[in-house]
N, C-alpha and C. Protein backbone atom coordinates (compact mmCIF):
# COMPACT_ATOMS: atom_id res chain seq x y z
N MET A 1 0.82 -1.20 0.00
CA MET A 1 0.00 0.00 0.00
C MET A 1 0.86 1.26 0.00
N ALA A 2 1.96 1.22 0.77
CA ALA A 2 2.83 2.40 0.86
C ALA A 2 3.48 2.70 -0.49
N GLU A 3 3.80 1.66 -1.23
CA GLU A 3 4.45 1.86 -2.52
C GLU A 3 3.53 2.59 -3.50
N SER A 4 2.26 2.17 -3.56
CA SER A 4 1.34 2.82 -4.49
C SER A 4 1.03 4.24 -4.03
N LYS A 5 0.94 4.48 -2.71
CA LYS A 5 0.68 5.84 -2.22
C LYS A 5 1.83 6.76 -2.62
N ALA A 6 3.04 6.29 -2.42
CA ALA A 6 4.21 7.10 -2.81
C ALA A 6 4.21 7.35 -4.31
N ALA A 7 3.83 6.35 -5.09
CA ALA A 7 3.79 6.51 -6.54
C ALA A 7 2.74 7.54 -6.94
N TRP A 8 1.58 7.49 -6.30
CA TRP A 8 0.52 8.47 -6.62
C TRP A 8 0.90 9.86 -6.14
N ASP A 9 1.60 9.97 -5.02
CA ASP A 9 2.10 11.27 -4.58
C ASP A 9 3.04 11.85 -5.63
N GLN A 10 3.88 10.99 -6.21
CA GLN A 10 4.81 11.44 -7.26
C GLN A 10 4.04 11.90 -8.50
N VAL A 11 2.98 11.18 -8.85
CA VAL A 11 2.14 11.59 -9.98
C VAL A 11 1.62 13.01 -9.74
N GLY A 12 1.09 13.25 -8.54
CA GLY A 12 0.58 14.58 -8.21
C GLY A 12 1.65 15.65 -8.34
N GLU A 13 2.83 15.37 -7.80
CA GLU A 13 3.93 16.34 -7.89
C GLU A 13 4.32 16.62 -9.34
N ASP A 14 4.43 15.56 -10.14
CA ASP A 14 4.84 15.73 -11.53
C ASP A 14 3.80 16.50 -12.34
N PHE A 15 2.52 16.22 -12.13
CA PHE A 15 1.49 16.94 -12.87
C PHE A 15 1.36 18.39 -12.38
N ARG A 16 1.60 18.63 -11.09
CA ARG A 16 1.60 20.02 -10.62
C ARG A 16 2.75 20.80 -11.28
N ALA A 17 3.92 20.17 -11.38
CA ALA A 17 5.06 20.82 -12.04
C ALA A 17 4.74 21.10 -13.50
N LEU A 18 4.11 20.14 -14.16
CA LEU A 18 3.71 20.35 -15.55
C LEU A 18 2.72 21.50 -15.65
N GLY A 19 1.76 21.55 -14.75
CA GLY A 19 0.78 22.64 -14.74
C GLY A 19 1.44 24.00 -14.54
N ARG A 20 2.44 24.04 -13.65
CA ARG A 20 3.16 25.31 -13.44
C ARG A 20 3.88 25.76 -14.70
N GLN A 21 4.47 24.81 -15.43
CA GLN A 21 5.17 25.17 -16.66
C GLN A 21 4.21 25.69 -17.72
N VAL A 22 3.05 25.05 -17.85
CA VAL A 22 2.06 25.52 -18.82
C VAL A 22 1.55 26.90 -18.40
N LYS A 23 1.30 27.09 -17.11
CA LYS A 23 0.83 28.39 -16.61
C LYS A 23 1.87 29.47 -16.89
N GLN A 24 3.14 29.13 -16.72
CA GLN A 24 4.19 30.10 -16.97
C GLN A 24 4.15 30.55 -18.44
N HIS A 25 3.94 29.62 -19.35
CA HIS A 25 3.83 29.99 -20.76
C HIS A 25 2.61 30.88 -20.98
N TYR A 26 1.51 30.57 -20.31
CA TYR A 26 0.29 31.37 -20.45
C TYR A 26 0.53 32.78 -19.91
N ASP A 27 1.17 32.89 -18.74
CA ASP A 27 1.42 34.19 -18.13
C ASP A 27 2.35 35.05 -18.97
N GLN A 28 3.20 34.44 -19.76
CA GLN A 28 4.15 35.18 -20.58
C GLN A 28 3.53 35.72 -21.87
N ARG A 29 2.35 35.24 -22.21
CA ARG A 29 1.72 35.69 -23.45
C ARG A 29 1.21 37.12 -23.29
N GLU A 30 1.32 37.89 -24.36
CA GLU A 30 0.85 39.27 -24.36
C GLU A 30 -0.68 39.28 -24.45
N ARG A 31 -1.30 40.13 -23.65
CA ARG A 31 -2.75 40.23 -23.64
C ARG A 31 -3.20 41.30 -24.64
N PRO A 32 -4.28 41.04 -25.39
CA PRO A 32 -4.78 42.06 -26.31
C PRO A 32 -5.40 43.21 -25.54
N GLN A 33 -5.29 44.41 -26.09
CA GLN A 33 -5.88 45.59 -25.46
C GLN A 33 -7.35 45.70 -25.86
N ALA A 34 -8.18 46.21 -24.96
CA ALA A 34 -9.60 46.39 -25.25
C ALA A 34 -9.77 47.47 -26.30
N THR A 35 -10.71 47.27 -27.20
CA THR A 35 -11.00 48.28 -28.23
C THR A 35 -11.94 49.33 -27.67
N GLU A 36 -12.07 50.48 -28.36
CA GLU A 36 -12.96 51.54 -27.90
C GLU A 36 -14.40 51.05 -27.81
N SER A 37 -14.82 50.22 -28.78
CA SER A 37 -16.21 49.74 -28.75
C SER A 37 -16.44 48.82 -27.57
N GLN A 38 -15.44 48.06 -27.17
CA GLN A 38 -15.58 47.20 -25.99
C GLN A 38 -15.64 48.04 -24.72
N GLU A 39 -14.87 49.13 -24.66
CA GLU A 39 -14.85 49.97 -23.48
C GLU A 39 -16.14 50.76 -23.33
N ALA A 40 -16.77 51.12 -24.46
CA ALA A 40 -17.97 51.95 -24.43
C ALA A 40 -19.24 51.13 -24.26
N THR A 41 -19.17 49.85 -24.28
CA THR A 41 -20.35 48.98 -24.22
C THR A 41 -21.16 49.24 -22.96
N GLY A 42 -22.46 49.43 -23.18
CA GLY A 42 -23.39 49.53 -22.07
C GLY A 42 -23.43 50.89 -21.41
N GLN A 43 -22.75 51.90 -21.91
CA GLN A 43 -22.74 53.21 -21.28
C GLN A 43 -23.86 54.06 -21.85
N GLY A 44 -24.65 54.68 -20.95
CA GLY A 44 -25.67 55.64 -21.37
C GLY A 44 -26.83 55.05 -22.13
N GLN A 45 -27.21 53.83 -21.88
CA GLN A 45 -28.32 53.21 -22.59
C GLN A 45 -29.62 53.48 -21.86
N GLY A 46 -30.64 53.89 -22.59
CA GLY A 46 -31.97 54.07 -22.02
C GLY A 46 -32.75 52.79 -22.12
N ALA A 47 -34.01 52.85 -21.71
CA ALA A 47 -34.87 51.65 -21.72
C ALA A 47 -35.07 51.14 -23.14
N GLU A 48 -35.16 52.05 -24.12
CA GLU A 48 -35.40 51.62 -25.50
C GLU A 48 -34.17 50.91 -26.09
N GLY A 49 -32.99 51.31 -25.69
CA GLY A 49 -31.77 50.72 -26.22
C GLY A 49 -31.31 49.49 -25.46
N GLN A 50 -32.07 49.07 -24.49
CA GLN A 50 -31.64 47.96 -23.64
C GLN A 50 -31.40 46.65 -24.40
N PRO A 51 -32.31 46.20 -25.31
CA PRO A 51 -32.02 44.94 -26.01
C PRO A 51 -30.72 45.02 -26.82
N ALA A 52 -30.48 46.14 -27.48
CA ALA A 52 -29.25 46.28 -28.26
C ALA A 52 -28.04 46.30 -27.32
N ALA A 53 -28.18 46.97 -26.19
CA ALA A 53 -27.09 47.03 -25.23
C ALA A 53 -26.82 45.64 -24.66
N ASP A 54 -27.88 44.89 -24.36
CA ASP A 54 -27.70 43.53 -23.86
C ASP A 54 -27.00 42.66 -24.89
N ARG A 55 -27.41 42.83 -26.14
CA ARG A 55 -26.79 42.05 -27.22
C ARG A 55 -25.31 42.38 -27.33
N ARG A 56 -24.97 43.67 -27.21
CA ARG A 56 -23.56 44.07 -27.27
C ARG A 56 -22.78 43.49 -26.09
N LYS A 57 -23.40 43.46 -24.92
CA LYS A 57 -22.73 42.89 -23.76
C LYS A 57 -22.46 41.40 -23.97
N VAL A 58 -23.44 40.70 -24.53
CA VAL A 58 -23.25 39.27 -24.80
C VAL A 58 -22.17 39.09 -25.86
N ASP A 59 -22.23 39.89 -26.92
CA ASP A 59 -21.21 39.80 -27.98
C ASP A 59 -19.82 40.08 -27.43
N ASP A 60 -19.71 41.11 -26.58
CA ASP A 60 -18.41 41.44 -26.00
C ASP A 60 -17.91 40.34 -25.07
N ALA A 61 -18.83 39.78 -24.30
CA ALA A 61 -18.45 38.68 -23.41
C ALA A 61 -17.96 37.48 -24.22
N LEU A 62 -18.66 37.17 -25.31
CA LEU A 62 -18.24 36.06 -26.16
C LEU A 62 -16.89 36.35 -26.81
N GLN A 63 -16.68 37.61 -27.21
CA GLN A 63 -15.40 38.00 -27.80
C GLN A 63 -14.27 37.83 -26.79
N LYS A 64 -14.51 38.26 -25.55
CA LYS A 64 -13.50 38.12 -24.51
C LYS A 64 -13.21 36.65 -24.22
N LEU A 65 -14.26 35.85 -24.20
CA LEU A 65 -14.08 34.41 -23.99
C LEU A 65 -13.26 33.80 -25.12
N THR A 66 -13.58 34.18 -26.35
CA THR A 66 -12.84 33.69 -27.51
C THR A 66 -11.37 34.07 -27.41
N GLU A 67 -11.10 35.32 -27.03
CA GLU A 67 -9.71 35.77 -26.90
C GLU A 67 -8.99 35.02 -25.78
N ALA A 68 -9.68 34.80 -24.67
CA ALA A 68 -9.06 34.07 -23.56
C ALA A 68 -8.74 32.63 -23.96
N LEU A 69 -9.67 31.99 -24.66
CA LEU A 69 -9.42 30.62 -25.11
C LEU A 69 -8.28 30.58 -26.12
N ASP A 70 -8.24 31.56 -27.00
CA ASP A 70 -7.16 31.63 -27.98
C ASP A 70 -5.81 31.78 -27.26
N GLN A 71 -5.76 32.64 -26.24
CA GLN A 71 -4.52 32.81 -25.48
C GLN A 71 -4.14 31.52 -24.77
N ALA A 72 -5.13 30.87 -24.18
CA ALA A 72 -4.85 29.63 -23.43
C ALA A 72 -4.31 28.55 -24.36
N PHE A 73 -4.96 28.37 -25.51
CA PHE A 73 -4.51 27.32 -26.43
C PHE A 73 -3.19 27.69 -27.11
N SER A 74 -2.96 28.98 -27.33
CA SER A 74 -1.67 29.41 -27.87
C SER A 74 -0.56 29.14 -26.86
N ALA A 75 -0.84 29.43 -25.60
CA ALA A 75 0.15 29.16 -24.55
C ALA A 75 0.40 27.66 -24.44
N LEU A 76 -0.66 26.87 -24.54
CA LEU A 76 -0.50 25.42 -24.48
C LEU A 76 0.34 24.94 -25.66
N GLY A 77 0.09 25.51 -26.85
CA GLY A 77 0.89 25.16 -28.03
C GLY A 77 2.35 25.53 -27.84
N ASP A 78 2.60 26.71 -27.27
CA ASP A 78 3.98 27.12 -26.99
C ASP A 78 4.62 26.17 -25.99
N ALA A 79 3.86 25.80 -24.97
CA ALA A 79 4.39 24.91 -23.94
C ALA A 79 4.72 23.55 -24.52
N VAL A 80 3.90 23.06 -25.41
CA VAL A 80 4.14 21.74 -26.02
C VAL A 80 5.45 21.73 -26.80
N ARG A 81 5.77 22.85 -27.41
CA ARG A 81 7.01 22.93 -28.19
C ARG A 81 8.24 23.18 -27.33
N ASP A 82 8.05 23.51 -26.05
CA ASP A 82 9.16 23.77 -25.13
C ASP A 82 9.76 22.42 -24.71
N PRO A 83 11.06 22.21 -24.93
CA PRO A 83 11.68 20.92 -24.57
C PRO A 83 11.57 20.59 -23.08
N GLN A 84 11.61 21.60 -22.21
CA GLN A 84 11.49 21.34 -20.77
C GLN A 84 10.09 20.83 -20.43
N VAL A 85 9.08 21.38 -21.09
CA VAL A 85 7.71 20.92 -20.85
C VAL A 85 7.56 19.50 -21.39
N GLY A 86 8.17 19.22 -22.52
CA GLY A 86 8.13 17.87 -23.07
C GLY A 86 8.75 16.87 -22.11
N GLU A 87 9.86 17.24 -21.52
CA GLU A 87 10.53 16.36 -20.55
C GLU A 87 9.64 16.16 -19.32
N GLN A 88 9.02 17.25 -18.85
CA GLN A 88 8.14 17.13 -17.68
C GLN A 88 6.90 16.29 -18.01
N THR A 89 6.42 16.39 -19.23
CA THR A 89 5.27 15.58 -19.64
C THR A 89 5.64 14.11 -19.64
N ARG A 90 6.82 13.79 -20.17
CA ARG A 90 7.28 12.40 -20.15
C ARG A 90 7.46 11.90 -18.72
N LYS A 91 7.99 12.76 -17.86
CA LYS A 91 8.19 12.38 -16.46
C LYS A 91 6.84 12.13 -15.78
N ALA A 92 5.87 13.01 -16.02
CA ALA A 92 4.54 12.84 -15.42
C ALA A 92 3.87 11.58 -15.93
N ALA A 93 4.00 11.32 -17.22
CA ALA A 93 3.41 10.10 -17.79
C ALA A 93 4.08 8.86 -17.21
N GLY A 94 5.38 8.91 -17.03
CA GLY A 94 6.10 7.79 -16.43
C GLY A 94 5.67 7.56 -14.99
N SER A 95 5.48 8.65 -14.25
CA SER A 95 5.00 8.53 -12.87
C SER A 95 3.61 7.92 -12.82
N LEU A 96 2.77 8.34 -13.75
CA LEU A 96 1.41 7.78 -13.81
C LEU A 96 1.47 6.29 -14.11
N SER A 97 2.31 5.90 -15.02
CA SER A 97 2.47 4.49 -15.36
C SER A 97 2.98 3.70 -14.15
N ASP A 98 3.98 4.26 -13.45
CA ASP A 98 4.52 3.59 -12.26
C ASP A 98 3.46 3.43 -11.18
N ALA A 99 2.65 4.49 -10.99
CA ALA A 99 1.61 4.43 -9.96
C ALA A 99 0.55 3.39 -10.31
N LEU A 100 0.16 3.34 -11.57
CA LEU A 100 -0.82 2.33 -11.99
C LEU A 100 -0.26 0.92 -11.81
N THR A 101 0.99 0.74 -12.18
CA THR A 101 1.62 -0.57 -12.02
C THR A 101 1.66 -0.98 -10.55
N ALA A 102 2.07 -0.06 -9.68
CA ALA A 102 2.14 -0.37 -8.25
C ALA A 102 0.76 -0.66 -7.68
N THR A 103 -0.24 0.10 -8.11
CA THR A 103 -1.61 -0.10 -7.61
C THR A 103 -2.14 -1.45 -8.04
N PHE A 104 -1.96 -1.81 -9.30
CA PHE A 104 -2.45 -3.10 -9.78
C PHE A 104 -1.68 -4.26 -9.15
N ALA A 105 -0.39 -4.07 -8.90
CA ALA A 105 0.40 -5.12 -8.25
C ALA A 105 -0.11 -5.35 -6.83
N GLU A 106 -0.40 -4.27 -6.12
CA GLU A 106 -0.91 -4.40 -4.76
C GLU A 106 -2.31 -5.01 -4.75
N ALA A 107 -3.14 -4.60 -5.68
CA ALA A 107 -4.49 -5.19 -5.77
C ALA A 107 -4.41 -6.66 -6.10
N SER A 108 -3.54 -7.03 -7.00
CA SER A 108 -3.36 -8.42 -7.37
C SER A 108 -2.90 -9.24 -6.18
N GLU A 109 -1.98 -8.70 -5.42
CA GLU A 109 -1.47 -9.38 -4.23
C GLU A 109 -2.59 -9.60 -3.21
N ARG A 110 -3.44 -8.60 -3.03
CA ARG A 110 -4.57 -8.74 -2.10
C ARG A 110 -5.52 -9.85 -2.53
N PHE A 111 -5.80 -9.91 -3.83
CA PHE A 111 -6.71 -10.95 -4.33
C PHE A 111 -6.11 -12.35 -4.18
N ARG A 112 -4.81 -12.44 -4.36
CA ARG A 112 -4.15 -13.74 -4.20
C ARG A 112 -4.18 -14.21 -2.74
N LYS A 113 -4.14 -13.28 -1.82
CA LYS A 113 -4.16 -13.64 -0.39
C LYS A 113 -5.54 -14.11 0.07
N LYS A 114 -6.58 -13.72 -0.64
CA LYS A 114 -7.95 -14.08 -0.22
C LYS A 114 -8.35 -15.44 -0.67
């Protein structure tokens, strides 16, 4: 039991390290600046202009979401091409494999004892 726990602890550590590396790539990406139309959205709207203003708010929110997803996937793409991230990915995958092997070996041993 101790062997598989240690193996799973290592999996957690390796995937956290991988997550930090991907986050670092994301944090290094340049953020787009808001446009004038995005900054002016929803200002000074009366009751008659409310549906159009709501539509603009939804459109702007979707645009911001699209930009955020684009940044996230671009950062992930950059991270994938980084040799250090590739090494950490291999290490995390190896840890996962080791943990699964240890877990199945311990489970098999328990079944044999019964």
